[in-house]
């Protein structure tokens, strides 16, 4: 109450003008035109000062409650965005796992092909070595083959030797 008394004692303060300034700032033309929330009502016999003070306080609390609800709505929106992002992350992870599995399968195929080629190359090498070895044995161990004309002469000589 000290602040109200000080306000009245000051010279040059026009209370009518002050109330008009406050009313112009508020959405309604007067304080009485602003409706109270449904969950409160004035008690019978309360003084005008008490009623106005209670109204001011409940309006501040209601305003704060509406801000809190608005924050809740924003939080719900943020949670929905997080859920959508989480779903996208799960999709991306599934795609990465599929891609990794594909790479592993392709690597397995290439690995197997390389080993098959290595085995085939080894078989070819062994076959070539065997053919070389056999060729060397044949050319060293046997006499060179005669031409067909020479073979005929050899056969005729052998036959003549038998006849004689």
N, C-alpha and C. Protein backbone atom coordinates (compact mmCIF):
# COMPACT_ATOMS: atom_id res chain seq x y z
N UNK A 1 0.80 -1.18 0.00
CA UNK A 1 0.00 0.00 0.00
C UNK A 1 0.85 1.25 0.00
N UNK A 2 2.06 1.14 0.39
CA UNK A 2 2.95 2.29 0.43
C UNK A 2 3.16 2.84 -0.97
N UNK A 3 3.24 1.98 -1.96
CA UNK A 3 3.46 2.47 -3.31
C UNK A 3 2.25 3.20 -3.85
N UNK A 4 1.04 2.79 -3.44
CA UNK A 4 -0.17 3.49 -3.88
C UNK A 4 -0.22 4.87 -3.25
N UNK A 5 0.12 4.94 -1.97
CA UNK A 5 0.12 6.23 -1.29
C UNK A 5 1.15 7.16 -1.90
N UNK A 6 2.29 6.65 -2.25
CA UNK A 6 3.32 7.48 -2.86
C UNK A 6 2.84 8.00 -4.22
N UNK A 7 2.11 7.16 -4.96
CA UNK A 7 1.60 7.55 -6.25
C UNK A 7 0.61 8.71 -6.10
N UNK A 8 -0.22 8.68 -5.07
CA UNK A 8 -1.20 9.74 -4.86
C UNK A 8 -0.55 11.02 -4.38
N UNK A 9 0.52 10.92 -3.70
CA UNK A 9 1.18 12.10 -3.15
C UNK A 9 1.97 12.86 -4.20
N UNK A 10 2.39 12.17 -5.24
CA UNK A 10 3.20 12.84 -6.25
C UNK A 10 2.37 13.89 -6.97
N UNK A 11 3.01 14.94 -7.25
CA UNK A 11 2.35 15.99 -8.01
C UNK A 11 2.48 15.69 -9.50
N UNK A 12 1.52 16.03 -10.28
CA UNK A 12 1.57 15.88 -11.71
C UNK A 12 1.13 14.53 -12.21
N UNK A 13 0.70 13.61 -11.34
CA UNK A 13 0.22 12.32 -11.79
C UNK A 13 -1.28 12.41 -11.96
N UNK A 14 -1.72 12.11 -13.18
CA UNK A 14 -3.13 12.17 -13.48
C UNK A 14 -3.64 10.72 -13.52
N UNK A 15 -4.39 10.32 -12.50
CA UNK A 15 -4.85 8.95 -12.40
C UNK A 15 -5.83 8.60 -13.50
N UNK A 16 -6.61 9.52 -13.94
CA UNK A 16 -7.56 9.28 -15.03
C UNK A 16 -6.78 8.98 -16.32
N UNK A 17 -5.76 9.78 -16.55
CA UNK A 17 -4.93 9.56 -17.74
C UNK A 17 -4.21 8.21 -17.65
N UNK A 18 -3.72 7.84 -16.47
CA UNK A 18 -3.04 6.57 -16.27
C UNK A 18 -3.96 5.40 -16.58
N UNK A 19 -5.22 5.47 -16.09
CA UNK A 19 -6.18 4.40 -16.37
C UNK A 19 -6.51 4.35 -17.86
N UNK A 20 -6.58 5.48 -18.51
CA UNK A 20 -6.86 5.52 -19.95
C UNK A 20 -5.69 4.90 -20.73
N UNK A 21 -4.48 5.20 -20.30
CA UNK A 21 -3.30 4.60 -20.96
C UNK A 21 -3.30 3.08 -20.81
N UNK A 22 -3.60 2.59 -19.62
CA UNK A 22 -3.64 1.15 -19.38
C UNK A 22 -4.74 0.51 -20.21
N UNK A 23 -5.91 1.16 -20.27
CA UNK A 23 -7.02 0.60 -21.04
C UNK A 23 -6.71 0.57 -22.53
N UNK A 24 -5.96 1.54 -23.04
CA UNK A 24 -5.65 1.56 -24.47
C UNK A 24 -4.66 0.45 -24.84
N UNK A 25 -3.83 0.05 -23.90
CA UNK A 25 -2.87 -1.00 -24.15
C UNK A 25 -3.56 -2.36 -24.13
N UNK A 26 -4.52 -2.56 -23.28
CA UNK A 26 -5.23 -3.85 -23.16
C UNK A 26 -6.18 -4.03 -24.33
N UNK A 27 -6.56 -5.28 -24.60
CA UNK A 27 -7.40 -5.57 -25.75
C UNK A 27 -8.82 -5.03 -25.57
N UNK A 28 -9.34 -5.03 -24.38
CA UNK A 28 -10.68 -4.51 -24.15
C UNK A 28 -10.65 -3.04 -23.79
N UNK A 29 -11.82 -2.39 -23.75
CA UNK A 29 -11.85 -0.97 -23.43
C UNK A 29 -11.71 -0.72 -21.94
N UNK A 30 -12.07 -1.72 -21.12
CA UNK A 30 -11.88 -1.56 -19.68
C UNK A 30 -11.50 -2.91 -19.09
N UNK A 31 -11.06 -2.88 -17.85
CA UNK A 31 -10.63 -4.10 -17.19
C UNK A 31 -11.81 -5.05 -17.02
N UNK A 32 -13.00 -4.55 -16.80
CA UNK A 32 -14.17 -5.38 -16.58
C UNK A 32 -14.58 -6.15 -17.84
N UNK A 33 -14.15 -5.67 -19.02
CA UNK A 33 -14.56 -6.32 -20.26
C UNK A 33 -13.79 -7.60 -20.55
N UNK A 34 -12.70 -7.86 -19.82
CA UNK A 34 -11.91 -9.07 -20.02
C UNK A 34 -12.54 -10.18 -19.21
N UNK A 35 -12.95 -11.27 -19.87
CA UNK A 35 -13.65 -12.36 -19.20
C UNK A 35 -12.69 -13.18 -18.34
N UNK A 36 -13.23 -13.69 -17.23
CA UNK A 36 -12.45 -14.55 -16.34
C UNK A 36 -12.44 -15.97 -16.89
N UNK A 37 -11.40 -16.74 -16.56
CA UNK A 37 -11.41 -18.15 -16.97
C UNK A 37 -12.57 -18.89 -16.29
N UNK A 38 -12.99 -20.00 -16.90
CA UNK A 38 -14.16 -20.75 -16.43
C UNK A 38 -13.96 -21.37 -15.05
N UNK A 39 -12.74 -21.61 -14.66
CA UNK A 39 -12.50 -22.33 -13.42
C UNK A 39 -12.48 -21.45 -12.16
N UNK A 40 -12.77 -20.12 -12.29
CA UNK A 40 -12.87 -19.23 -11.12
C UNK A 40 -14.11 -18.36 -11.25
N UNK A 41 -14.63 -17.92 -10.11
CA UNK A 41 -15.70 -16.92 -10.08
C UNK A 41 -15.58 -16.14 -8.78
N UNK A 42 -16.07 -14.92 -8.82
CA UNK A 42 -15.94 -14.04 -7.66
C UNK A 42 -16.79 -14.56 -6.50
N UNK A 43 -16.26 -14.36 -5.31
CA UNK A 43 -16.98 -14.71 -4.10
C UNK A 43 -17.93 -13.57 -3.77
N UNK A 44 -19.10 -13.90 -3.31
CA UNK A 44 -20.09 -12.87 -2.96
C UNK A 44 -19.56 -12.00 -1.84
N UNK A 45 -19.72 -10.70 -1.99
CA UNK A 45 -19.35 -9.76 -0.96
C UNK A 45 -17.91 -9.28 -1.02
N UNK A 46 -17.11 -9.73 -1.98
CA UNK A 46 -15.72 -9.29 -2.07
C UNK A 46 -15.69 -7.83 -2.51
N UNK A 47 -14.75 -7.08 -1.99
CA UNK A 47 -14.65 -5.66 -2.34
C UNK A 47 -14.15 -5.52 -3.77
N UNK A 48 -14.37 -4.35 -4.33
CA UNK A 48 -13.94 -4.09 -5.71
C UNK A 48 -12.42 -4.23 -5.83
N UNK A 49 -11.68 -3.73 -4.88
CA UNK A 49 -10.23 -3.83 -4.91
C UNK A 49 -9.80 -5.29 -4.86
N UNK A 50 -10.43 -6.08 -4.01
CA UNK A 50 -10.10 -7.50 -3.89
C UNK A 50 -10.43 -8.24 -5.18
N UNK A 51 -11.58 -7.91 -5.77
CA UNK A 51 -11.99 -8.58 -7.01
C UNK A 51 -11.03 -8.25 -8.15
N UNK A 52 -10.66 -6.96 -8.26
CA UNK A 52 -9.74 -6.56 -9.33
C UNK A 52 -8.36 -7.18 -9.13
N UNK A 53 -7.91 -7.23 -7.88
CA UNK A 53 -6.60 -7.84 -7.61
C UNK A 53 -6.62 -9.33 -7.95
N UNK A 54 -7.69 -10.01 -7.56
CA UNK A 54 -7.81 -11.44 -7.85
C UNK A 54 -7.88 -11.66 -9.36
N UNK A 55 -8.63 -10.80 -10.06
CA UNK A 55 -8.72 -10.92 -11.52
C UNK A 55 -7.35 -10.72 -12.17
N UNK A 56 -6.60 -9.73 -11.70
CA UNK A 56 -5.28 -9.47 -12.27
C UNK A 56 -4.37 -10.68 -12.07
N UNK A 57 -4.41 -11.24 -10.87
CA UNK A 57 -3.55 -12.39 -10.58
C UNK A 57 -3.97 -13.60 -11.41
N UNK A 58 -5.27 -13.90 -11.48
CA UNK A 58 -5.71 -15.08 -12.22
C UNK A 58 -5.45 -14.91 -13.71
N UNK A 59 -5.54 -13.69 -14.21
CA UNK A 59 -5.23 -13.47 -15.63
C UNK A 59 -3.74 -13.71 -15.90
N UNK A 60 -2.88 -13.30 -14.98
CA UNK A 60 -1.45 -13.58 -15.14
C UNK A 60 -1.18 -15.09 -15.10
N UNK A 61 -1.82 -15.76 -14.15
CA UNK A 61 -1.65 -17.22 -14.08
C UNK A 61 -2.21 -17.90 -15.33
N UNK A 62 -3.36 -17.46 -15.80
CA UNK A 62 -3.95 -18.05 -17.01
C UNK A 62 -3.06 -17.79 -18.21
N UNK A 63 -2.50 -16.60 -18.29
CA UNK A 63 -1.59 -16.27 -19.39
C UNK A 63 -0.36 -17.19 -19.34
N UNK A 64 0.18 -17.39 -18.15
CA UNK A 64 1.33 -18.28 -17.99
C UNK A 64 0.95 -19.72 -18.34
N UNK A 65 -0.25 -20.15 -17.92
CA UNK A 65 -0.70 -21.51 -18.23
C UNK A 65 -0.84 -21.69 -19.75
N UNK A 66 -1.36 -20.68 -20.43
CA UNK A 66 -1.48 -20.78 -21.89
C UNK A 66 -0.11 -20.84 -22.55
N UNK A 67 0.85 -20.10 -22.03
CA UNK A 67 2.22 -20.17 -22.55
C UNK A 67 2.82 -21.56 -22.33
N UNK A 68 2.54 -22.13 -21.16
CA UNK A 68 3.03 -23.48 -20.87
C UNK A 68 2.41 -24.47 -21.84
N UNK A 69 1.10 -24.34 -22.08
CA UNK A 69 0.43 -25.23 -23.05
C UNK A 69 1.01 -25.04 -24.44
N UNK A 70 1.30 -23.80 -24.79
CA UNK A 70 1.91 -23.54 -26.10
C UNK A 70 3.27 -24.21 -26.20
N UNK A 71 4.04 -24.16 -25.10
CA UNK A 71 5.33 -24.86 -25.10
C UNK A 71 5.12 -26.36 -25.25
N UNK A 72 4.05 -26.89 -24.62
CA UNK A 72 3.73 -28.31 -24.76
C UNK A 72 3.42 -28.65 -26.21
N UNK A 73 2.69 -27.79 -26.88
CA UNK A 73 2.37 -28.01 -28.29
C UNK A 73 3.64 -27.98 -29.13
N UNK A 74 4.51 -27.03 -28.84
CA UNK A 74 5.78 -26.96 -29.55
C UNK A 74 6.62 -28.21 -29.27
N UNK A 75 6.58 -28.69 -28.04
CA UNK A 75 7.32 -29.89 -27.68
C UNK A 75 6.76 -31.11 -28.42
N UNK A 76 5.44 -31.18 -28.55
CA UNK A 76 4.82 -32.28 -29.30
C UNK A 76 5.26 -32.21 -30.76
N UNK A 77 5.27 -31.00 -31.34
CA UNK A 77 5.73 -30.85 -32.72
C UNK A 77 7.19 -31.30 -32.85
N UNK A 78 8.02 -30.89 -31.89
CA UNK A 78 9.43 -31.29 -31.93
C UNK A 78 9.57 -32.80 -31.80
N UNK A 79 8.76 -33.41 -30.94
CA UNK A 79 8.81 -34.86 -30.77
C UNK A 79 8.39 -35.57 -32.06
N UNK A 80 7.36 -35.04 -32.74
CA UNK A 80 6.93 -35.63 -34.01
C UNK A 80 8.03 -35.52 -35.05
N UNK A 81 8.72 -34.38 -35.08
CA UNK A 81 9.83 -34.23 -36.01
C UNK A 81 10.95 -35.21 -35.67
N UNK A 82 11.21 -35.39 -34.38
CA UNK A 82 12.23 -36.36 -33.96
C UNK A 82 11.84 -37.77 -34.37
N UNK A 83 10.57 -38.11 -34.22
CA UNK A 83 10.11 -39.43 -34.61
C UNK A 83 10.28 -39.64 -36.11
N UNK A 84 9.94 -38.61 -36.89
CA UNK A 84 10.11 -38.71 -38.34
C UNK A 84 11.58 -38.86 -38.69
N UNK A 85 12.43 -38.08 -38.02
CA UNK A 85 13.86 -38.17 -38.26
C UNK A 85 14.39 -39.54 -37.85
N UNK A 86 13.89 -40.05 -36.73
CA UNK A 86 14.31 -41.37 -36.28
C UNK A 86 13.92 -42.44 -37.29
N UNK A 87 12.72 -42.32 -37.85
CA UNK A 87 12.30 -43.27 -38.88
C UNK A 87 13.21 -43.19 -40.10
N UNK A 88 13.58 -41.98 -40.48
CA UNK A 88 14.49 -41.81 -41.61
C UNK A 88 15.86 -42.41 -41.29
N UNK A 89 16.31 -42.24 -40.07
CA UNK A 89 17.60 -42.81 -39.66
C UNK A 89 17.54 -44.33 -39.73
N UNK A 90 16.42 -44.91 -39.26
CA UNK A 90 16.29 -46.38 -39.33
C UNK A 90 16.29 -46.85 -40.78
N UNK A 91 15.62 -46.11 -41.66
CA UNK A 91 15.64 -46.46 -43.08
C UNK A 91 17.05 -46.38 -43.64
N UNK A 92 17.77 -45.33 -43.26
CA UNK A 92 19.15 -45.16 -43.75
C UNK A 92 20.05 -46.29 -43.23
N UNK A 93 19.86 -46.67 -41.98
CA UNK A 93 20.66 -47.76 -41.42
C UNK A 93 20.35 -49.07 -42.14
N UNK A 94 19.06 -49.32 -42.40
CA UNK A 94 18.69 -50.55 -43.13
C UNK A 94 19.31 -50.55 -44.52
N UNK A 95 19.30 -49.39 -45.19
CA UNK A 95 19.91 -49.29 -46.52
C UNK A 95 21.40 -49.56 -46.44
N UNK A 96 22.07 -49.01 -45.43
CA UNK A 96 23.50 -49.23 -45.26
C UNK A 96 23.81 -50.70 -45.01
N UNK A 97 22.98 -51.34 -44.20
CA UNK A 97 23.20 -52.77 -43.93
C UNK A 97 23.03 -53.59 -45.20
N UNK A 98 22.00 -53.27 -45.99
CA UNK A 98 21.79 -53.98 -47.26
C UNK A 98 22.97 -53.75 -48.20
N UNK A 99 23.44 -52.52 -48.26
CA UNK A 99 24.58 -52.20 -49.13
C UNK A 99 25.82 -52.96 -48.67
N UNK A 100 26.07 -52.99 -47.38
CA UNK A 100 27.23 -53.71 -46.84
C UNK A 100 27.12 -55.20 -47.15
N UNK A 101 25.92 -55.76 -47.00
CA UNK A 101 25.73 -57.19 -47.31
C UNK A 101 25.99 -57.44 -48.79
N UNK A 102 25.53 -56.53 -49.66
CA UNK A 102 25.80 -56.66 -51.09
C UNK A 102 27.28 -56.62 -51.40
N UNK A 103 28.00 -55.72 -50.75
CA UNK A 103 29.45 -55.63 -50.94
C UNK A 103 30.13 -56.92 -50.48
N UNK A 104 29.69 -57.45 -49.36
CA UNK A 104 30.28 -58.70 -48.87
C UNK A 104 30.04 -59.84 -49.86
N UNK A 105 28.83 -59.92 -50.39
CA UNK A 105 28.51 -60.98 -51.35
C UNK A 105 29.34 -60.83 -52.62
N UNK A 106 29.47 -59.60 -53.11
CA UNK A 106 30.28 -59.36 -54.31
C UNK A 106 31.74 -59.69 -54.04
N UNK A 107 32.24 -59.33 -52.87
CA UNK A 107 33.61 -59.66 -52.49
C UNK A 107 33.83 -61.16 -52.41
N UNK A 108 32.83 -61.88 -51.87
CA UNK A 108 32.93 -63.34 -51.79
C UNK A 108 33.01 -63.94 -53.20
N UNK A 109 32.19 -63.44 -54.13
CA UNK A 109 32.22 -63.95 -55.50
C UNK A 109 33.57 -63.71 -56.16
N UNK A 110 34.09 -62.50 -56.01
CA UNK A 110 35.39 -62.17 -56.61
C UNK A 110 36.49 -63.01 -55.98
N UNK A 111 36.45 -63.17 -54.67
CA UNK A 111 37.43 -64.00 -53.96
C UNK A 111 37.42 -65.42 -54.53
N UNK A 112 36.22 -65.97 -54.70
CA UNK A 112 36.10 -67.34 -55.23
C UNK A 112 36.62 -67.42 -56.66
N UNK A 113 36.29 -66.42 -57.50
CA UNK A 113 36.78 -66.41 -58.89
C UNK A 113 38.30 -66.38 -58.94
N UNK A 114 38.90 -65.54 -58.11
CA UNK A 114 40.36 -65.42 -58.11
C UNK A 114 40.98 -66.76 -57.72
N UNK A 115 40.45 -67.41 -56.69
CA UNK A 115 41.02 -68.69 -56.28
C UNK A 115 40.80 -69.75 -57.36
N UNK A 116 39.63 -69.74 -58.03
CA UNK A 116 39.40 -70.69 -59.12
C UNK A 116 40.40 -70.46 -60.26
N UNK A 117 40.65 -69.18 -60.59
CA UNK A 117 41.63 -68.87 -61.63
C UNK A 117 43.03 -69.32 -61.22
N UNK A 118 43.36 -69.14 -59.96
CA UNK A 118 44.68 -69.57 -59.47
C UNK A 118 44.82 -71.08 -59.58
N UNK A 119 43.77 -71.82 -59.21
CA UNK A 119 43.81 -73.29 -59.34
C UNK A 119 43.91 -73.71 -60.80
N UNK A 120 43.14 -73.07 -61.66
CA UNK A 120 43.19 -73.40 -63.09
C UNK A 120 44.57 -73.12 -63.67
N UNK A 121 45.15 -71.97 -63.30
CA UNK A 121 46.48 -71.61 -63.77
C UNK A 121 47.51 -72.64 -63.30
N UNK A 122 47.37 -73.09 -62.07
CA UNK A 122 48.27 -74.11 -61.55
C UNK A 122 48.13 -75.42 -62.33
N UNK A 123 46.88 -75.79 -62.64
CA UNK A 123 46.66 -77.00 -63.45
C UNK A 123 47.29 -76.86 -64.83
N UNK A 124 47.14 -75.70 -65.46
CA UNK A 124 47.73 -75.47 -66.78
C UNK A 124 49.24 -75.57 -66.70
N UNK A 125 49.82 -74.96 -65.66
CA UNK A 125 51.29 -75.00 -65.49
C UNK A 125 51.77 -76.44 -65.34
N UNK A 126 51.06 -77.21 -64.50
CA UNK A 126 51.46 -78.62 -64.30
C UNK A 126 51.32 -79.41 -65.60
N UNK A 127 50.26 -79.18 -66.35
CA UNK A 127 50.06 -79.88 -67.62
C UNK A 127 51.16 -79.53 -68.60
N UNK A 128 51.52 -78.27 -68.68
CA UNK A 128 52.60 -77.84 -69.58
C UNK A 128 53.93 -78.50 -69.19
N UNK A 129 54.22 -78.52 -67.90
CA UNK A 129 55.44 -79.15 -67.43
C UNK A 129 55.45 -80.64 -67.78
N UNK A 130 54.30 -81.31 -67.61
CA UNK A 130 54.21 -82.74 -67.93
C UNK A 130 54.42 -82.97 -69.42
N UNK A 131 53.83 -82.14 -70.26
CA UNK A 131 54.00 -82.29 -71.71
C UNK A 131 55.46 -82.06 -72.09
N UNK A 132 56.08 -81.03 -71.50
CA UNK A 132 57.50 -80.77 -71.79
C UNK A 132 58.35 -81.97 -71.39
N UNK A 133 58.10 -82.53 -70.22
CA UNK A 133 58.86 -83.68 -69.74
C UNK A 133 58.68 -84.87 -70.69
N UNK A 134 57.47 -85.14 -71.11
CA UNK A 134 57.22 -86.27 -72.01
C UNK A 134 57.87 -86.06 -73.37
N UNK A 135 57.85 -84.82 -73.82
CA UNK A 135 58.50 -84.53 -75.11
C UNK A 135 60.00 -84.77 -75.02
N UNK A 136 60.58 -84.38 -73.90
CA UNK A 136 62.02 -84.56 -73.71
C UNK A 136 62.36 -86.05 -73.65
N UNK A 137 61.53 -86.85 -72.97
CA UNK A 137 61.79 -88.30 -72.88
C UNK A 137 61.68 -88.96 -74.25
N UNK A 138 60.72 -88.59 -75.03
CA UNK A 138 60.50 -89.22 -76.34
C UNK A 138 61.65 -88.88 -77.28
N UNK A 139 62.08 -87.67 -77.32
CA UNK A 139 63.13 -87.28 -78.27
C UNK A 139 64.49 -87.83 -77.86
N UNK A 140 64.74 -88.07 -76.59
CA UNK A 140 66.03 -88.59 -76.14
C UNK A 140 66.05 -90.11 -76.24
N UNK A 141 65.01 -90.79 -75.85
CA UNK A 141 64.99 -92.24 -75.76
C UNK A 141 64.83 -92.95 -77.09
N UNK A 142 64.21 -92.46 -78.08
CA UNK A 142 63.94 -93.15 -79.33
C UNK A 142 64.81 -92.59 -80.44
N UNK A 143 64.91 -93.40 -81.51
CA UNK A 143 65.62 -92.93 -82.69
C UNK A 143 64.68 -92.08 -83.50
N UNK A 144 65.24 -91.18 -84.23
CA UNK A 144 64.37 -90.33 -85.02
C UNK A 144 63.66 -91.15 -86.08
N UNK A 145 62.47 -90.78 -86.41
CA UNK A 145 61.66 -91.50 -87.38
C UNK A 145 62.21 -91.27 -88.79
N UNK A 146 62.10 -92.30 -89.57
CA UNK A 146 62.57 -92.23 -90.96
C UNK A 146 61.44 -91.74 -91.85
N UNK A 147 61.85 -91.21 -92.97
CA UNK A 147 60.87 -90.79 -93.96
C UNK A 147 60.19 -92.02 -94.55
N UNK A 148 58.97 -91.90 -95.09
CA UNK A 148 58.28 -93.07 -95.65
C UNK A 148 59.09 -93.79 -96.73
N UNK A 149 59.81 -93.08 -97.55
CA UNK A 149 60.61 -93.74 -98.60
C UNK A 149 61.72 -94.57 -97.96
N UNK A 150 62.34 -94.04 -96.92
CA UNK A 150 63.40 -94.76 -96.24
C UNK A 150 62.83 -95.97 -95.52
N UNK A 151 61.60 -95.84 -94.98
CA UNK A 151 60.99 -96.98 -94.31
C UNK A 151 60.75 -98.13 -95.31
N UNK A 152 60.32 -97.78 -96.50
CA UNK A 152 60.08 -98.81 -97.52
C UNK A 152 61.39 -99.55 -97.86
N UNK A 153 62.48 -98.82 -97.98
CA UNK A 153 63.77 -99.44 -98.27
C UNK A 153 64.17 -100.38 -97.15
N UNK A 154 63.96 -99.99 -95.93
CA UNK A 154 64.31 -100.82 -94.77
C UNK A 154 63.48 -102.11 -94.80
N UNK A 155 62.21 -101.99 -95.12
CA UNK A 155 61.33 -103.16 -95.17
C UNK A 155 61.78 -104.11 -96.30
N UNK A 156 62.11 -103.57 -97.43
CA UNK A 156 62.55 -104.40 -98.57
C UNK A 156 63.85 -105.12 -98.22
N UNK A 157 64.78 -104.47 -97.60
CA UNK A 157 66.04 -105.11 -97.21
C UNK A 157 65.78 -106.24 -96.23
N UNK A 158 64.88 -105.96 -95.29
CA UNK A 158 64.58 -107.01 -94.31
C UNK A 158 63.97 -108.20 -95.01
N UNK A 159 63.08 -108.00 -95.95
CA UNK A 159 62.46 -109.09 -96.68
C UNK A 159 63.50 -109.86 -97.52
N UNK A 160 64.40 -109.20 -98.14
CA UNK A 160 65.46 -109.83 -98.95
C UNK A 160 66.35 -110.69 -98.07
N UNK A 161 66.65 -110.21 -96.88
CA UNK A 161 67.49 -110.95 -95.98
C UNK A 161 66.78 -112.22 -95.57
N UNK A 162 65.53 -112.20 -95.38
CA UNK A 162 64.77 -113.38 -95.01
C UNK A 162 64.72 -114.37 -96.20
N UNK A 163 64.63 -113.92 -97.38
CA UNK A 163 64.50 -114.78 -98.54
C UNK A 163 65.85 -115.46 -98.77
N UNK A 164 66.83 -114.85 -98.54
CA UNK A 164 68.15 -115.40 -98.86
C UNK A 164 68.59 -116.37 -97.86
